[in-house]
Protein backbone atom coordinates (compact mmCIF):
# COMPACT_ATOMS: atom_id res chain seq x y z
CA MET A 1 37.12 -3.60 -3.32
CA ALA A 2 33.87 -3.15 -5.78
CA LYS A 3 34.40 -2.91 -9.42
CA ASP A 4 33.87 0.71 -10.83
CA ILE A 5 30.13 1.14 -11.78
CA SER A 6 29.15 3.72 -14.25
CA LEU A 7 25.51 5.13 -14.74
CA HIS A 8 26.20 5.02 -18.34
CA ASN A 9 25.42 1.08 -18.32
CA ASN A 10 23.28 -1.24 -17.05
CA ASP A 11 25.37 -2.49 -14.08
CA LEU A 12 23.67 -0.58 -11.48
CA ASN A 13 20.39 -1.24 -12.64
CA SER A 14 20.93 -5.01 -12.86
CA PHE A 15 22.90 -5.05 -9.39
CA ILE A 16 19.57 -3.14 -7.71
CA SER A 17 17.13 -5.49 -9.36
CA GLY A 18 19.23 -8.42 -8.30
CA GLU A 19 19.55 -7.31 -4.57
CA ARG A 20 16.07 -6.42 -4.24
CA GLY A 21 14.60 -9.86 -2.86
CA LYS A 22 17.38 -10.34 -0.53
CA VAL A 23 17.43 -6.95 0.95
CA LEU A 24 13.67 -6.56 1.33
CA SER A 25 13.89 -9.92 2.99
CA TYR A 26 16.65 -8.90 5.32
CA LEU A 27 14.69 -5.80 6.40
CA ARG A 28 11.61 -7.61 6.48
CA LYS A 29 12.67 -10.07 9.01
CA LYS A 30 14.78 -7.32 10.95
CA TYR A 31 12.32 -4.64 11.20
CA SER A 32 8.55 -4.15 11.65
CA ILE A 33 7.85 -2.07 8.60
CA SER A 34 5.08 -2.62 6.06
CA ASP A 35 5.57 -4.10 2.64
CA ASP A 36 4.69 -0.64 0.90
CA ASP A 37 6.90 1.12 3.34
CA LEU A 38 9.73 -1.23 2.56
CA ASP A 39 9.64 -0.52 -1.17
CA ASP A 40 9.80 3.32 -0.51
CA ILE A 41 12.73 2.43 1.66
CA PHE A 42 14.38 0.40 -1.06
CA GLN A 43 13.53 2.93 -3.73
CA GLU A 44 15.30 5.81 -1.74
CA ALA A 45 18.27 3.55 -1.07
CA SER A 46 18.36 2.72 -4.86
CA MET A 47 18.43 6.57 -5.65
CA ALA A 48 21.20 7.17 -2.95
CA LEU A 49 23.17 4.52 -4.52
CA PHE A 50 22.77 6.15 -8.18
CA ILE A 51 23.84 9.41 -6.80
CA ASN A 52 26.75 7.95 -4.81
CA ALA A 53 28.00 6.54 -8.21
CA ARG A 54 27.48 9.49 -9.99
CA ASN A 55 29.39 11.19 -7.62
CA GLY A 56 32.26 8.77 -7.55
CA LYS A 57 31.66 7.44 -4.20
CA LEU A 58 31.78 3.82 -5.15
CA SER A 59 35.19 3.75 -6.62
CA ASN A 60 36.63 3.41 -3.40
CA LEU A 61 34.64 1.02 -1.21
CA ASN A 62 36.10 -0.76 1.72
CA SER A 63 33.62 -3.62 1.37
CA SER A 64 31.51 -5.52 -1.46
CA LEU A 65 29.04 -3.44 -3.34
CA GLY A 66 26.23 -5.68 -1.99
CA THR A 67 27.32 -5.03 1.75
CA TYR A 68 27.47 -1.64 1.15
CA PHE A 69 23.86 -1.24 -0.46
CA THR A 70 22.79 -3.38 2.23
CA LYS A 71 23.84 -1.15 4.82
CA VAL A 72 22.42 1.82 2.92
CA CYS A 73 19.05 -0.17 2.79
CA ILE A 74 19.55 -0.43 6.51
CA ASN A 75 20.34 3.50 7.10
CA GLN A 76 17.14 4.17 5.19
CA ALA A 77 15.18 1.59 7.21
CA LEU A 78 16.55 3.32 10.42
CA LYS A 79 15.68 6.72 9.15
CA PHE A 80 12.25 5.74 8.61
CA LEU A 81 11.73 4.04 11.89
CA SER A 82 13.48 7.10 13.66
CA LYS A 83 10.47 9.18 12.00
CA HIS A 84 7.74 6.98 12.67
CA THR A 85 8.52 5.42 16.24
CA LYS A 86 8.43 7.43 19.34
CA SER A 87 11.12 5.10 21.13
CA ILE A 88 13.22 2.10 20.88
CA PRO A 89 12.55 -0.82 23.37
CA LEU A 90 16.49 -1.21 24.60
CA PHE A 91 15.52 -3.85 27.26
CA ASN A 92 13.62 -6.90 26.98
CA GLU A 93 11.52 -8.22 30.33
CA ALA A 94 14.47 -10.71 31.25
CA GLN A 95 16.96 -7.98 31.26
CA LEU A 96 15.01 -5.49 33.27
CA ALA A 97 16.67 -7.43 36.20
CA ASN A 98 19.88 -6.18 34.80
CA PRO A 99 19.33 -2.55 34.01
CA ASN A 100 22.93 -2.25 32.39
CA ALA A 101 22.35 -4.97 29.69
CA LEU A 102 21.50 -3.82 26.37
CA ARG A 103 19.83 -5.86 23.91
CA SER A 104 22.31 -6.75 21.17
CA ASP A 105 19.88 -6.70 18.23
CA LYS A 106 18.88 -2.95 19.24
CA ILE A 107 22.50 -1.73 19.39
CA ASP A 108 22.82 -1.34 15.64
CA GLU A 109 19.59 0.05 15.41
CA LEU A 110 20.23 3.00 18.22
CA TRP A 111 23.60 3.66 16.51
CA GLY A 112 21.90 4.12 13.31
CA VAL A 113 19.28 6.57 14.64
CA CYS A 114 22.37 8.55 16.41
CA VAL A 115 24.59 8.58 13.75
CA ASP A 116 22.46 10.38 10.58
CA THR A 117 24.86 12.28 9.22
CA GLU A 118 24.23 15.99 7.97
CA GLU A 119 25.34 15.00 4.34
CA GLU A 120 22.58 12.57 4.36
CA ASP A 121 20.09 14.93 5.75
CA ARG A 122 21.26 17.59 2.87
CA GLN A 123 20.97 15.03 0.31
CA VAL A 124 17.40 13.99 1.39
CA ARG A 125 16.36 17.78 1.14
CA MET A 126 18.04 18.30 -2.03
CA GLU A 127 16.19 15.25 -3.32
CA LYS A 128 12.99 16.36 -2.05
CA LEU A 129 13.32 19.98 -3.52
CA VAL A 130 14.29 18.23 -7.00
CA ASN A 131 11.10 15.93 -6.69
CA ASN A 132 8.93 18.65 -5.70
CA ILE A 133 9.99 21.29 -8.62
CA LEU A 134 9.81 18.41 -11.05
CA ALA A 135 6.36 17.34 -10.06
CA SER A 136 5.13 20.97 -10.58
CA MET A 137 6.56 21.08 -14.39
CA THR A 138 4.99 20.14 -17.31
CA ASP A 139 5.26 16.58 -19.05
CA THR A 140 7.46 18.23 -21.73
CA CYS A 141 9.86 19.57 -19.26
CA LYS A 142 9.94 16.43 -17.20
CA ASN A 143 10.75 14.30 -20.15
CA ILE A 144 13.68 16.58 -21.28
CA LEU A 145 15.31 16.89 -18.01
CA HIS A 146 15.00 13.56 -17.27
CA GLY A 147 16.10 12.48 -20.61
CA TYR A 148 19.14 15.07 -20.54
CA TYR A 149 20.32 14.81 -16.78
CA TRP A 150 19.16 11.47 -15.43
CA ASN A 151 19.57 9.20 -18.69
CA ASP A 152 22.35 11.21 -20.41
CA TYR A 153 20.61 11.45 -23.54
CA SER A 154 21.74 13.74 -26.07
CA THR A 155 19.21 16.55 -27.44
CA SER A 156 18.96 14.34 -30.87
CA THR A 157 18.19 11.33 -28.78
CA ILE A 158 15.44 13.57 -26.90
CA ALA A 159 14.14 14.68 -30.14
CA ASP A 160 13.60 11.31 -31.74
CA ILE A 161 12.12 9.70 -28.33
CA PHE A 162 9.78 12.65 -27.84
CA ASN A 163 9.09 13.64 -31.42
CA PHE A 164 10.36 16.93 -31.50
CA SER A 165 11.29 18.26 -34.97
CA ASP A 166 15.17 18.44 -34.35
CA ALA A 167 17.87 18.88 -31.46
CA ASN A 168 17.86 22.58 -31.89
CA SER A 169 13.90 22.44 -30.77
CA VAL A 170 15.07 20.34 -27.75
CA LYS A 171 17.74 22.86 -26.67
CA ALA A 172 15.61 25.62 -27.06
CA GLN A 173 12.83 24.09 -24.97
CA LYS A 174 15.69 22.66 -22.48
CA TYR A 175 16.75 26.13 -21.85
CA LYS A 176 13.21 27.38 -21.05
CA CYS A 177 12.90 24.21 -18.56
CA VAL A 178 16.02 25.12 -16.87
CA LYS A 179 15.01 28.49 -16.52
CA LYS A 180 11.41 27.67 -14.95
CA PHE A 181 13.48 25.00 -12.64
CA ARG A 182 15.56 27.62 -11.44
CA GLU A 183 12.68 29.68 -10.62
CA LYS A 184 10.87 27.17 -8.95
CA TYR A 185 14.18 26.12 -6.85
CA ASN A 186 14.62 29.87 -5.95
CA GLU A 187 11.04 29.81 -4.68
CA LEU A 188 10.74 26.49 -2.98
CA LYS A 189 14.71 26.40 -1.50
CA ASP A 190 13.91 28.55 1.78
CA LYS A 191 10.83 26.23 2.37
CA ILE A 192 13.28 22.76 2.08
CA TYR A 193 16.48 23.97 3.46
CA GLY A 194 15.11 26.75 6.00
């Protein structure tokens, strides 16, 4: 059972940093994916881990956090491969003589391609929508929203970090940013979820 990990401390950041080399090495050996794409896969897996931690899904793990995170990375790699490859070679030349023999190293890969859950797809679409909206916003709004919603900073802390006159100024600007975010959301949601 994994220990409870909170987004309010550095445990998750430290854990992800510590796993980076091991996980990327494993993915590099197991799959033919470029280093740039592996970095993207690792980043997406890290974001998924943060979201799962925020949603309380890490408190009842049946495996170690390292095993869980590695599986999240493998699933992200398989998702990447399913989008970027047209077929998965299930048989090698020696196995062609026996058409019923599957390559054992491809069974997990095939399973992962087939078991893409609806929840993961919804999560990916939601992350894409949020990232698209944030990319279209001003730096001020990005800073406020990231500080408040991702980093759990108080409005006073945001005021200090980004040189606002006081917490009330941040609250007023945050209200405007959330309103812009909501408008963009309503404008883009059909394109992403449609």
